[in-house]
């Protein structure tokens, strides 16, 4: 009986060790499974950009947005914001493709670039039929540039005069409306920002209407480029109200834009965008949304044709 009892105790002990071993193995397996977090769900576009390791951003090269005038480096208000947003989304590199403003949407939709970020207003319904806009990143008004020696203080002093604009920008519509109303003599497609400024300096046009941020940047950081010119202090945005600036992508990449929107919201909340404007010599109060901004009214794009 003793032998039988001892044999029974030994078997029971072995059985217990076996069960304990199985239990320990199962527990270890469970711990490993917990460590393996489910894969992050991202848009098809973001997955492609992460794999490629670079995002190509289209810009016409407005100086305040992308180009350091001293070094030619890829930097500026829009550049800093987009680079930081890309970094937070896991895209390690952003490159700029220089493309005329009027051709940006075409190049976005044919796949040459991944994103448009060029001070583009998000209130144009015709544009929204072709691209999908992000939430507004910041806002800006217009600036009327005239010769320093001229008597002009506003658009209403330019009757019979030639006023230039960059084709494809929102300012084209404003200047053409002035011409139709007889406020000015002629609306002139004076070319890119730089070409238009040179045309004004040489008297080929009497005024140039463009983004306030462009002129703010030149006057603060590259005054030689606007030598002999000044702002018409009496200019008012009567035909074109201050605009809200967005990035834009192909309609097929709307989900990627929504991922960017989440990052832009974080950047606003953290004060990152305000710091970028201060870094480049701008007054953030003239461009950044405050804590009291209304998302539906001020930040959400009003013209996107898809949700």
C-alpha atoms as a PDB file:
ATOM      1  CA  UNK A   1       0.000   0.000   0.000  1.00  0.00           C
ATOM      2  CA  UNK A   2       2.824   2.326   0.794  1.00  0.00           C
ATOM      3  CA  UNK A   3       4.332   1.711  -2.599  1.00  0.00           C
ATOM      4  CA  UNK A   4       0.999   2.378  -4.223  1.00  0.00           C
ATOM      5  CA  UNK A   5       0.518   5.556  -2.157  1.00  0.00           C
ATOM      6  CA  UNK A   6       3.998   6.784  -2.952  1.00  0.00           C
ATOM      7  CA  UNK A   7       3.439   6.040  -6.633  1.00  0.00           C
ATOM      8  CA  UNK A   8       0.135   7.956  -6.510  1.00  0.00           C
ATOM      9  CA  UNK A   9       1.749  10.990  -4.847  1.00  0.00           C
ATOM     10  CA  UNK A  10       4.596  10.999  -7.404  1.00  0.00           C
ATOM     11  CA  UNK A  11       2.157  10.843 -10.349  1.00  0.00           C
ATOM     12  CA  UNK A  12       0.074  13.590  -8.850  1.00  0.00           C
ATOM     13  CA  UNK A  13       3.148  15.768  -8.394  1.00  0.00           C
ATOM     14  CA  UNK A  14       4.261  15.182 -11.975  1.00  0.00           C
ATOM     15  CA  UNK A  15       0.775  15.956 -13.206  1.00  0.00           C
ATOM     16  CA  UNK A  16       0.801  19.167 -11.207  1.00  0.00           C
ATOM     17  CA  UNK A  17       4.149  20.188 -12.680  1.00  0.00           C
ATOM     18  CA  UNK A  18       2.862  19.468 -16.178  1.00  0.00           C
ATOM     19  CA  UNK A  19      -0.279  21.544 -15.657  1.00  0.00           C
ATOM     20  CA  UNK A  20       1.718  24.321 -14.067  1.00  0.00           C
ATOM     21  CA  UNK A  21       4.104  24.311 -17.003  1.00  0.00           C
ATOM     22  CA  UNK A  22       1.244  24.491 -19.492  1.00  0.00           C
ATOM     23  CA  UNK A  23      -0.357  27.269 -17.515  1.00  0.00           C
ATOM     24  CA  UNK A  24       2.886  29.251 -17.449  1.00  0.00           C
ATOM     25  CA  UNK A  25       3.366  28.784 -21.204  1.00  0.00           C
ATOM     26  CA  UNK A  26      -0.153  29.998 -21.923  1.00  0.00           C
ATOM     27  CA  UNK A  27       0.380  33.049 -19.696  1.00  0.00           C
ATOM     28  CA  UNK A  28       3.619  33.929 -21.493  1.00  0.00           C
ATOM     29  CA  UNK A  29       1.842  33.638 -24.819  1.00  0.00           C
ATOM     30  CA  UNK A  30      -0.877  35.994 -23.607  1.00  0.00           C
ATOM     31  CA  UNK A  31       1.681  38.574 -22.487  1.00  0.00           C
ATOM     32  CA  UNK A  32       3.391  38.526 -25.896  1.00  0.00           C
ATOM     33  CA  UNK A  33       0.049  38.977 -27.644  1.00  0.00           C
ATOM     34  CA  UNK A  34      -0.671  42.027 -25.520  1.00  0.00           C
ATOM     35  CA  UNK A  35       2.610  43.565 -26.602  1.00  0.00           C
ATOM     36  CA  UNK A  36       1.740  43.126 -30.278  1.00  0.00           C
ATOM     37  CA  UNK A  37      -0.600  46.095 -30.705  1.00  0.00           C
ATOM     38  CA  UNK A  38      -3.035  46.057 -33.636  1.00  0.00           C
ATOM     39  CA  UNK A  39      -1.750  47.794 -36.742  1.00  0.00           C
ATOM     40  CA  UNK A  40      -2.613  51.493 -37.008  1.00  0.00           C
ATOM     41  CA  UNK A  41      -5.292  52.135 -39.589  1.00  0.00           C
ATOM     42  CA  UNK A  42      -4.184  54.858 -41.964  1.00  0.00           C
ATOM     43  CA  UNK A  43      -5.307  56.119 -45.342  1.00  0.00           C
ATOM     44  CA  UNK A  44      -3.995  54.512 -48.486  1.00  0.00           C
ATOM     45  CA  UNK A  45      -2.160  57.730 -49.357  1.00  0.00           C
ATOM     46  CA  UNK A  46      -0.433  58.001 -45.989  1.00  0.00           C
ATOM     47  CA  UNK A  47       0.671  54.369 -46.191  1.00  0.00           C
ATOM     48  CA  UNK A  48       2.161  55.067 -49.627  1.00  0.00           C
ATOM     49  CA  UNK A  49       3.973  58.184 -48.441  1.00  0.00           C
ATOM     50  CA  UNK A  50       5.413  56.405 -45.411  1.00  0.00           C
ATOM     51  CA  UNK A  51       6.685  53.621 -47.632  1.00  0.00           C
ATOM     52  CA  UNK A  52       8.135  56.090 -50.143  1.00  0.00           C
ATOM     53  CA  UNK A  53       9.643  58.185 -47.350  1.00  0.00           C
ATOM     54  CA  UNK A  54       8.969  61.521 -48.990  1.00  0.00           C
ATOM     55  CA  UNK A  55       6.026  63.810 -49.765  1.00  0.00           C
ATOM     56  CA  UNK A  56       6.204  66.123 -52.803  1.00  0.00           C
ATOM     57  CA  UNK A  57       4.556  69.471 -52.162  1.00  0.00           C
ATOM     58  CA  UNK A  58       3.676  71.790 -55.035  1.00  0.00           C
ATOM     59  CA  UNK A  59       4.332  75.507 -54.663  1.00  0.00           C
ATOM     60  CA  UNK A  60       4.819  78.469 -56.950  1.00  0.00           C
ATOM     61  CA  UNK A  61       7.675  79.505 -54.668  1.00  0.00           C
ATOM     62  CA  UNK A  62       6.160  82.484 -52.866  1.00  0.00           C
ATOM     63  CA  UNK A  63       9.039  83.698 -50.728  1.00  0.00           C
ATOM     64  CA  UNK A  64       7.200  83.818 -47.404  1.00  0.00           C
ATOM     65  CA  UNK A  65       5.945  80.284 -47.821  1.00  0.00           C
ATOM     66  CA  UNK A  66       8.879  78.216 -48.958  1.00  0.00           C
ATOM     67  CA  UNK A  67      12.111  79.886 -49.970  1.00  0.00           C
ATOM     68  CA  UNK A  68      14.787  81.392 -47.758  1.00  0.00           C
ATOM     69  CA  UNK A  69      16.010  84.329 -49.838  1.00  0.00           C
ATOM     70  CA  UNK A  70      19.557  84.138 -48.449  1.00  0.00           C
ATOM     71  CA  UNK A  71      20.176  80.398 -48.691  1.00  0.00           C
ATOM     72  CA  UNK A  72      17.499  79.116 -51.072  1.00  0.00           C
ATOM     73  CA  UNK A  73      16.579  76.568 -48.389  1.00  0.00           C
ATOM     74  CA  UNK A  74      13.173  74.939 -48.174  1.00  0.00           C
ATOM     75  CA  UNK A  75      11.755  77.008 -45.322  1.00  0.00           C
ATOM     76  CA  UNK A  76       9.097  79.558 -44.513  1.00  0.00           C
ATOM     77  CA  UNK A  77       5.642  79.722 -42.953  1.00  0.00           C
ATOM     78  CA  UNK A  78       3.892  77.056 -45.023  1.00  0.00           C
ATOM     79  CA  UNK A  79       7.040  74.939 -45.300  1.00  0.00           C
ATOM     80  CA  UNK A  80       7.594  74.758 -41.538  1.00  0.00           C
ATOM     81  CA  UNK A  81       3.960  73.867 -40.862  1.00  0.00           C
ATOM     82  CA  UNK A  82       3.777  71.187 -43.564  1.00  0.00           C
ATOM     83  CA  UNK A  83       7.142  69.658 -42.625  1.00  0.00           C
ATOM     84  CA  UNK A  84       6.094  69.351 -38.979  1.00  0.00           C
ATOM     85  CA  UNK A  85       2.710  67.877 -39.898  1.00  0.00           C
ATOM     86  CA  UNK A  86       4.408  65.335 -42.171  1.00  0.00           C
ATOM     87  CA  UNK A  87       6.874  64.398 -39.434  1.00  0.00           C
ATOM     88  CA  UNK A  88       4.054  63.727 -36.979  1.00  0.00           C
ATOM     89  CA  UNK A  89       2.348  61.537 -39.568  1.00  0.00           C
ATOM     90  CA  UNK A  90       5.499  59.466 -40.020  1.00  0.00           C
ATOM     91  CA  UNK A  91       6.659  60.976 -43.327  1.00  0.00           C
ATOM     92  CA  UNK A  92      10.361  61.706 -42.819  1.00  0.00           C
ATOM     93  CA  UNK A  93      10.989  64.035 -45.755  1.00  0.00           C
ATOM     94  CA  UNK A  94       9.160  66.784 -47.643  1.00  0.00           C
ATOM     95  CA  UNK A  95      10.358  68.129 -50.977  1.00  0.00           C
ATOM     96  CA  UNK A  96       9.071  71.102 -52.945  1.00  0.00           C
ATOM     97  CA  UNK A  97       8.253  71.088 -56.651  1.00  0.00           C
ATOM     98  CA  UNK A  98       8.259  74.582 -58.179  1.00  0.00           C
ATOM     99  CA  UNK A  99       5.124  74.893 -60.315  1.00  0.00           C
ATOM    100  CA  UNK A 100       3.286  78.019 -61.565  1.00  0.00           C
ATOM    101  CA  UNK A 101       0.247  78.730 -59.402  1.00  0.00           C
ATOM    102  CA  UNK A 102      -2.165  78.292 -62.299  1.00  0.00           C
ATOM    103  CA  UNK A 103      -0.848  74.752 -62.907  1.00  0.00           C
ATOM    104  CA  UNK A 104      -0.820  73.442 -59.323  1.00  0.00           C
ATOM    105  CA  UNK A 105      -4.229  71.733 -59.461  1.00  0.00           C
ATOM    106  CA  UNK A 106      -3.406  70.053 -62.764  1.00  0.00           C
ATOM    107  CA  UNK A 107      -0.151  68.663 -61.343  1.00  0.00           C
ATOM    108  CA  UNK A 108      -1.916  67.537 -58.172  1.00  0.00           C
ATOM    109  CA  UNK A 109      -4.507  65.564 -60.096  1.00  0.00           C
ATOM    110  CA  UNK A 110      -2.034  63.954 -62.495  1.00  0.00           C
ATOM    111  CA  UNK A 111       0.096  62.667 -59.620  1.00  0.00           C
ATOM    112  CA  UNK A 112       3.148  64.884 -60.130  1.00  0.00           C
ATOM    113  CA  UNK A 113       2.751  66.235 -56.580  1.00  0.00           C
ATOM    114  CA  UNK A 114       1.132  64.819 -53.458  1.00  0.00           C
ATOM    115  CA  UNK A 115      -0.090  68.060 -51.908  1.00  0.00           C
ATOM    116  CA  UNK A 116      -0.676  71.712 -52.780  1.00  0.00           C
ATOM    117  CA  UNK A 117       0.465  74.196 -50.153  1.00  0.00           C
ATOM    118  CA  UNK A 118       0.839  77.652 -51.652  1.00  0.00           C
ATOM    119  CA  UNK A 119      -1.326  80.135 -49.784  1.00  0.00           C
ATOM    120  CA  UNK A 120      -4.374  78.833 -51.652  1.00  0.00           C
ATOM    121  CA  UNK A 121      -7.766  80.173 -50.547  1.00  0.00           C
ATOM    122  CA  UNK A 122     -10.295  77.467 -49.733  1.00  0.00           C
ATOM    123  CA  UNK A 123     -13.434  79.440 -50.626  1.00  0.00           C
ATOM    124  CA  UNK A 124     -13.427  78.890 -54.389  1.00  0.00           C
ATOM    125  CA  UNK A 125     -16.188  76.411 -55.386  1.00  0.00           C
ATOM    126  CA  UNK A 126     -14.633  75.813 -58.819  1.00  0.00           C
ATOM    127  CA  UNK A 127     -11.360  74.737 -57.202  1.00  0.00           C
ATOM    128  CA  UNK A 128     -13.256  72.480 -54.800  1.00  0.00           C
ATOM    129  CA  UNK A 129     -14.647  70.554 -57.760  1.00  0.00           C
ATOM    130  CA  UNK A 130     -11.065  69.630 -58.676  1.00  0.00           C
ATOM    131  CA  UNK A 131      -9.297  69.208 -55.314  1.00  0.00           C
ATOM    132  CA  UNK A 132     -10.149  68.452 -51.692  1.00  0.00           C
ATOM    133  CA  UNK A 133      -9.174  71.190 -49.225  1.00  0.00           C
ATOM    134  CA  UNK A 134      -7.832  70.767 -45.710  1.00  0.00           C
ATOM    135  CA  UNK A 135      -9.162  72.764 -42.797  1.00  0.00           C
ATOM    136  CA  UNK A 136      -7.905  76.346 -42.770  1.00  0.00           C
ATOM    137  CA  UNK A 137      -4.370  76.654 -41.443  1.00  0.00           C
ATOM    138  CA  UNK A 138      -4.274  80.453 -41.182  1.00  0.00           C
ATOM    139  CA  UNK A 139      -5.901  83.496 -42.761  1.00  0.00           C
ATOM    140  CA  UNK A 140      -4.692  86.539 -44.658  1.00  0.00           C
ATOM    141  CA  UNK A 141      -5.887  89.593 -46.551  1.00  0.00           C
ATOM    142  CA  UNK A 142      -4.627  91.437 -49.583  1.00  0.00           C
ATOM    143  CA  UNK A 143      -2.004  94.131 -50.027  1.00  0.00           C
ATOM    144  CA  UNK A 144      -1.877  96.788 -52.726  1.00  0.00           C
ATOM    145  CA  UNK A 145       1.688  97.703 -53.638  1.00  0.00           C
ATOM    146  CA  UNK A 146       2.456 101.017 -55.376  1.00  0.00           C
ATOM    147  CA  UNK A 147       5.536 103.090 -56.193  1.00  0.00           C
ATOM    148  CA  UNK A 148       6.930 105.002 -53.238  1.00  0.00           C
ATOM    149  CA  UNK A 149       6.708 108.336 -55.081  1.00  0.00           C
ATOM    150  CA  UNK A 150       3.142 107.813 -56.305  1.00  0.00           C
ATOM    151  CA  UNK A 151       0.149 109.689 -54.840  1.00  0.00           C
ATOM    152  CA  UNK A 152      -1.987 106.519 -54.638  1.00  0.00           C
ATOM    153  CA  UNK A 153      -3.301 105.478 -51.224  1.00  0.00           C
ATOM    154  CA  UNK A 154      -6.046 103.026 -52.213  1.00  0.00           C
ATOM    155  CA  UNK A 155      -7.564 101.323 -55.228  1.00  0.00           C
ATOM    156  CA  UNK A 156      -9.950 104.284 -55.536  1.00  0.00           C
ATOM    157  CA  UNK A 157      -7.015 106.560 -56.403  1.00  0.00           C
ATOM    158  CA  UNK A 158      -6.054 104.373 -59.412  1.00  0.00           C
ATOM    159  CA  UNK A 159      -8.777 105.445 -61.861  1.00  0.00           C
ATOM    160  CA  UNK A 160      -7.411 105.106 -65.389  1.00  0.00           C
ATOM    161  CA  UNK A 161      -4.326 103.232 -64.126  1.00  0.00           C
ATOM    162  CA  UNK A 162      -2.986  99.722 -64.724  1.00  0.00           C
ATOM    163  CA  UNK A 163      -3.063  97.283 -61.816  1.00  0.00           C
ATOM    164  CA  UNK A 164      -1.332  93.916 -61.997  1.00  0.00           C
ATOM    165  CA  UNK A 165      -2.153  90.493 -60.606  1.00  0.00           C
ATOM    166  CA  UNK A 166      -0.689  86.985 -60.685  1.00  0.00           C
ATOM    167  CA  UNK A 167      -2.843  84.768 -62.959  1.00  0.00           C
ATOM    168  CA  UNK A 168      -4.841  82.082 -61.195  1.00  0.00           C
ATOM    169  CA  UNK A 169      -4.839  83.785 -57.797  1.00  0.00           C
ATOM    170  CA  UNK A 170      -7.914  85.108 -56.018  1.00  0.00           C
ATOM    171  CA  UNK A 171      -6.559  88.626 -56.661  1.00  0.00           C
ATOM    172  CA  UNK A 172      -7.150  88.233 -60.380  1.00  0.00           C
ATOM    173  CA  UNK A 173     -10.895  88.336 -59.773  1.00  0.00           C
ATOM    174  CA  UNK A 174     -10.584  91.376 -57.537  1.00  0.00           C
ATOM    175  CA  UNK A 175      -8.521  93.405 -59.991  1.00  0.00           C
ATOM    176  CA  UNK A 176     -10.737  92.412 -62.931  1.00  0.00           C
ATOM    177  CA  UNK A 177     -13.800  93.489 -60.948  1.00  0.00           C
ATOM    178  CA  UNK A 178     -12.186  96.870 -60.282  1.00  0.00           C
ATOM    179  CA  UNK A 179     -11.642  97.269 -64.042  1.00  0.00           C
ATOM    180  CA  UNK A 180     -15.256  96.317 -64.848  1.00  0.00           C
ATOM    181  CA  UNK A 181     -16.537  98.840 -62.314  1.00  0.00           C
ATOM    182  CA  UNK A 182     -14.269 101.573 -63.635  1.00  0.00           C
ATOM    183  CA  UNK A 183     -12.361 101.858 -60.343  1.00  0.00           C
ATOM    184  CA  UNK A 184      -9.107 101.315 -62.293  1.00  0.00           C
ATOM    185  CA  UNK A 185      -8.259 101.640 -65.970  1.00  0.00           C
ATOM    186  CA  UNK A 186      -6.957  98.155 -66.786  1.00  0.00           C
ATOM    187  CA  UNK A 187      -6.407  94.770 -65.128  1.00  0.00           C
ATOM    188  CA  UNK A 188      -3.013  93.380 -66.193  1.00  0.00           C
ATOM    189  CA  UNK A 189      -1.801  89.779 -65.893  1.00  0.00           C
ATOM    190  CA  UNK A 190       1.661  90.845 -64.762  1.00  0.00           C
ATOM    191  CA  UNK A 191       3.045  87.380 -64.051  1.00  0.00           C
ATOM    192  CA  UNK A 192       4.562  85.728 -60.995  1.00  0.00           C
ATOM    193  CA  UNK A 193       5.043  87.728 -57.779  1.00  0.00           C
ATOM    194  CA  UNK A 194       8.647  88.631 -58.629  1.00  0.00           C
ATOM    195  CA  UNK A 195       7.831  89.560 -62.230  1.00  0.00           C
ATOM    196  CA  UNK A 196       4.956  91.749 -61.068  1.00  0.00           C
ATOM    197  CA  UNK A 197       7.083  93.554 -58.499  1.00  0.00           C
ATOM    198  CA  UNK A 198       9.732  94.274 -61.132  1.00  0.00           C
ATOM    199  CA  UNK A 199       7.028  95.488 -63.545  1.00  0.00           C
ATOM    200  CA  UNK A 200       5.801  97.892 -60.870  1.00  0.00           C
ATOM    201  CA  UNK A 201       9.325  99.136 -60.121  1.00  0.00           C
ATOM    202  CA  UNK A 202       9.854  99.893 -63.835  1.00  0.00           C
ATOM    203  CA  UNK A 203       6.489 101.630 -64.201  1.00  0.00           C
ATOM    204  CA  UNK A 204       4.888  99.077 -66.510  1.00  0.00           C
ATOM    205  CA  UNK A 205       1.979  98.893 -64.053  1.00  0.00           C
ATOM    206  CA  UNK A 206       0.803 101.401 -61.423  1.00  0.00           C
ATOM    207  CA  UNK A 207      -0.137  98.945 -58.695  1.00  0.00           C
ATOM    208  CA  UNK A 208       0.073  95.263 -57.805  1.00  0.00           C
ATOM    209  CA  UNK A 209      -2.483  93.397 -55.700  1.00  0.00           C
ATOM    210  CA  UNK A 210      -1.270  90.264 -53.911  1.00  0.00           C
ATOM    211  CA  UNK A 211      -1.186  88.381 -50.591  1.00  0.00           C
ATOM    212  CA  UNK A 212      -0.405  90.537 -47.579  1.00  0.00           C
ATOM    213  CA  UNK A 213       1.923  87.844 -46.261  1.00  0.00           C
ATOM    214  CA  UNK A 214       4.117  88.087 -49.379  1.00  0.00           C
ATOM    215  CA  UNK A 215       4.611  91.811 -48.953  1.00  0.00           C
ATOM    216  CA  UNK A 216       5.013  91.584 -45.166  1.00  0.00           C
ATOM    217  CA  UNK A 217       7.786  89.049 -45.642  1.00  0.00           C
ATOM    218  CA  UNK A 218       9.624  91.027 -48.328  1.00  0.00           C
ATOM    219  CA  UNK A 219       9.511  94.256 -46.374  1.00  0.00           C
ATOM    220  CA  UNK A 220      10.717  92.571 -43.188  1.00  0.00           C
ATOM    221  CA  UNK A 221      13.285  90.152 -44.587  1.00  0.00           C
ATOM    222  CA  UNK A 222      14.235  91.236 -48.117  1.00  0.00           C
ATOM    223  CA  UNK A 223      13.604  95.008 -48.373  1.00  0.00           C
ATOM    224  CA  UNK A 224      15.907  95.378 -51.389  1.00  0.00           C
ATOM    225  CA  UNK A 225      13.460  93.367 -53.476  1.00  0.00           C
ATOM    226  CA  UNK A 226      10.717  95.940 -52.917  1.00  0.00           C
ATOM    227  CA  UNK A 227      13.000  98.969 -53.127  1.00  0.00           C
ATOM    228  CA  UNK A 228      11.124 102.081 -54.236  1.00  0.00           C
ATOM    229  CA  UNK A 229       7.746 100.543 -53.387  1.00  0.00           C
ATOM    230  CA  UNK A 230       5.297 100.913 -50.505  1.00  0.00           C
ATOM    231  CA  UNK A 231       1.895  99.748 -49.368  1.00  0.00           C
ATOM    232  CA  UNK A 232      -1.197 101.747 -50.255  1.00  0.00           C
ATOM    233  CA  UNK A 233      -2.342 102.277 -46.676  1.00  0.00           C
ATOM    234  CA  UNK A 234      -5.923 103.035 -47.635  1.00  0.00           C
ATOM    235  CA  UNK A 235      -6.480  99.734 -49.471  1.00  0.00           C
ATOM    236  CA  UNK A 236      -9.494  97.791 -48.228  1.00  0.00           C
ATOM    237  CA  UNK A 237     -10.562  94.219 -49.013  1.00  0.00           C
ATOM    238  CA  UNK A 238     -13.966  95.255 -50.338  1.00  0.00           C
ATOM    239  CA  UNK A 239     -14.197  92.930 -53.351  1.00  0.00           C
ATOM    240  CA  UNK A 240     -12.314  90.043 -51.720  1.00  0.00           C
ATOM    241  CA  UNK A 241     -12.653  89.496 -47.963  1.00  0.00           C
ATOM    242  CA  UNK A 242      -9.709  88.091 -45.987  1.00  0.00           C
ATOM    243  CA  UNK A 243      -9.135  84.520 -47.100  1.00  0.00           C
ATOM    244  CA  UNK A 244      -8.619  81.237 -45.271  1.00  0.00           C
ATOM    245  CA  UNK A 245      -5.568  79.273 -46.383  1.00  0.00           C
ATOM    246  CA  UNK A 246      -5.581  75.486 -46.840  1.00  0.00           C
ATOM    247  CA  UNK A 247      -3.568  72.656 -48.290  1.00  0.00           C
ATOM    248  CA  UNK A 248      -5.264  70.608 -51.013  1.00  0.00           C
ATOM    249  CA  UNK A 249      -5.025  67.159 -52.550  1.00  0.00           C
ATOM    250  CA  UNK A 250      -6.712  64.947 -55.114  1.00  0.00           C
ATOM    251  CA  UNK A 251     -10.301  64.025 -54.182  1.00  0.00           C
ATOM    252  CA  UNK A 252      -9.165  60.398 -53.942  1.00  0.00           C
ATOM    253  CA  UNK A 253      -6.881  61.423 -51.070  1.00  0.00           C
ATOM    254  CA  UNK A 254      -9.597  63.030 -48.930  1.00  0.00           C
ATOM    255  CA  UNK A 255      -8.883  60.580 -46.085  1.00  0.00           C
ATOM    256  CA  UNK A 256      -5.248  61.707 -46.046  1.00  0.00           C
ATOM    257  CA  UNK A 257      -6.357  65.346 -45.810  1.00  0.00           C
ATOM    258  CA  UNK A 258      -8.501  64.404 -42.801  1.00  0.00           C
ATOM    259  CA  UNK A 259      -5.390  62.919 -41.164  1.00  0.00           C
ATOM    260  CA  UNK A 260      -3.602  66.210 -41.832  1.00  0.00           C
ATOM    261  CA  UNK A 261      -6.554  68.090 -40.313  1.00  0.00           C
ATOM    262  CA  UNK A 262      -6.096  66.250 -37.018  1.00  0.00           C
ATOM    263  CA  UNK A 263      -2.434  67.275 -36.930  1.00  0.00           C
ATOM    264  CA  UNK A 264      -3.221  70.890 -37.870  1.00  0.00           C
ATOM    265  CA  UNK A 265      -5.677  71.006 -34.946  1.00  0.00           C
ATOM    266  CA  UNK A 266      -2.888  69.886 -32.603  1.00  0.00           C
ATOM    267  CA  UNK A 267      -0.496  72.477 -34.034  1.00  0.00           C
ATOM    268  CA  UNK A 268      -3.073  75.233 -33.492  1.00  0.00           C
ATOM    269  CA  UNK A 269      -3.793  74.118 -29.929  1.00  0.00           C
ATOM    270  CA  UNK A 270      -0.089  73.917 -29.058  1.00  0.00           C
ATOM    271  CA  UNK A 271       0.653  77.411 -30.409  1.00  0.00           C
ATOM    272  CA  UNK A 272       3.055  75.959 -32.986  1.00  0.00           C
ATOM    273  CA  UNK A 273       1.587  77.963 -35.884  1.00  0.00           C
ATOM    274  CA  UNK A 274       1.803  81.226 -33.934  1.00  0.00           C
ATOM    275  CA  UNK A 275       5.479  80.538 -33.197  1.00  0.00           C
ATOM    276  CA  UNK A 276       6.154  79.959 -36.900  1.00  0.00           C
ATOM    277  CA  UNK A 277       4.689  83.357 -37.807  1.00  0.00           C
ATOM    278  CA  UNK A 278       6.742  85.052 -35.083  1.00  0.00           C
ATOM    279  CA  UNK A 279       9.868  83.245 -36.303  1.00  0.00           C
ATOM    280  CA  UNK A 280       9.498  84.811 -39.757  1.00  0.00           C
ATOM    281  CA  UNK A 281       8.697  88.323 -38.551  1.00  0.00           C
ATOM    282  CA  UNK A 282       4.903  88.305 -38.912  1.00  0.00           C
ATOM    283  CA  UNK A 283       2.265  89.441 -36.451  1.00  0.00           C
ATOM    284  CA  UNK A 284       0.384  86.229 -35.525  1.00  0.00           C
ATOM    285  CA  UNK A 285      -2.659  88.282 -34.534  1.00  0.00           C
ATOM    286  CA  UNK A 286      -3.125  89.103 -38.232  1.00  0.00           C
ATOM    287  CA  UNK A 287      -3.008  85.470 -39.353  1.00  0.00           C
ATOM    288  CA  UNK A 288      -3.659  82.907 -36.599  1.00  0.00           C
ATOM    289  CA  UNK A 289      -6.948  81.625 -35.214  1.00  0.00           C
ATOM    290  CA  UNK A 290      -7.524  82.387 -31.559  1.00  0.00           C
ATOM    291  CA  UNK A 291      -8.995  80.107 -28.931  1.00  0.00           C
ATOM    292  CA  UNK A 292     -12.400  81.645 -29.618  1.00  0.00           C
ATOM    293  CA  UNK A 293     -12.355  80.727 -33.336  1.00  0.00           C
ATOM    294  CA  UNK A 294     -15.494  78.963 -34.534  1.00  0.00           C
ATOM    295  CA  UNK A 295     -14.587  75.696 -36.278  1.00  0.00           C
ATOM    296  CA  UNK A 296     -17.610  75.616 -38.599  1.00  0.00           C
ATOM    297  CA  UNK A 297     -17.359  79.291 -39.534  1.00  0.00           C
ATOM    298  CA  UNK A 298     -13.623  80.005 -39.494  1.00  0.00           C
ATOM    299  CA  UNK A 299     -11.672  76.768 -39.895  1.00  0.00           C
ATOM    300  CA  UNK A 300     -13.710  74.142 -41.753  1.00  0.00           C
ATOM    301  CA  UNK A 301     -13.516  74.429 -45.528  1.00  0.00           C
ATOM    302  CA  UNK A 302     -16.919  75.738 -46.715  1.00  0.00           C
ATOM    303  CA  UNK A 303     -16.822  74.436 -50.285  1.00  0.00           C
ATOM    304  CA  UNK A 304     -15.570  70.820 -50.281  1.00  0.00           C
ATOM    305  CA  UNK A 305     -17.865  68.771 -52.514  1.00  0.00           C
ATOM    306  CA  UNK A 306     -17.295  65.508 -50.604  1.00  0.00           C
ATOM    307  CA  UNK A 307     -17.340  64.842 -46.858  1.00  0.00           C
END
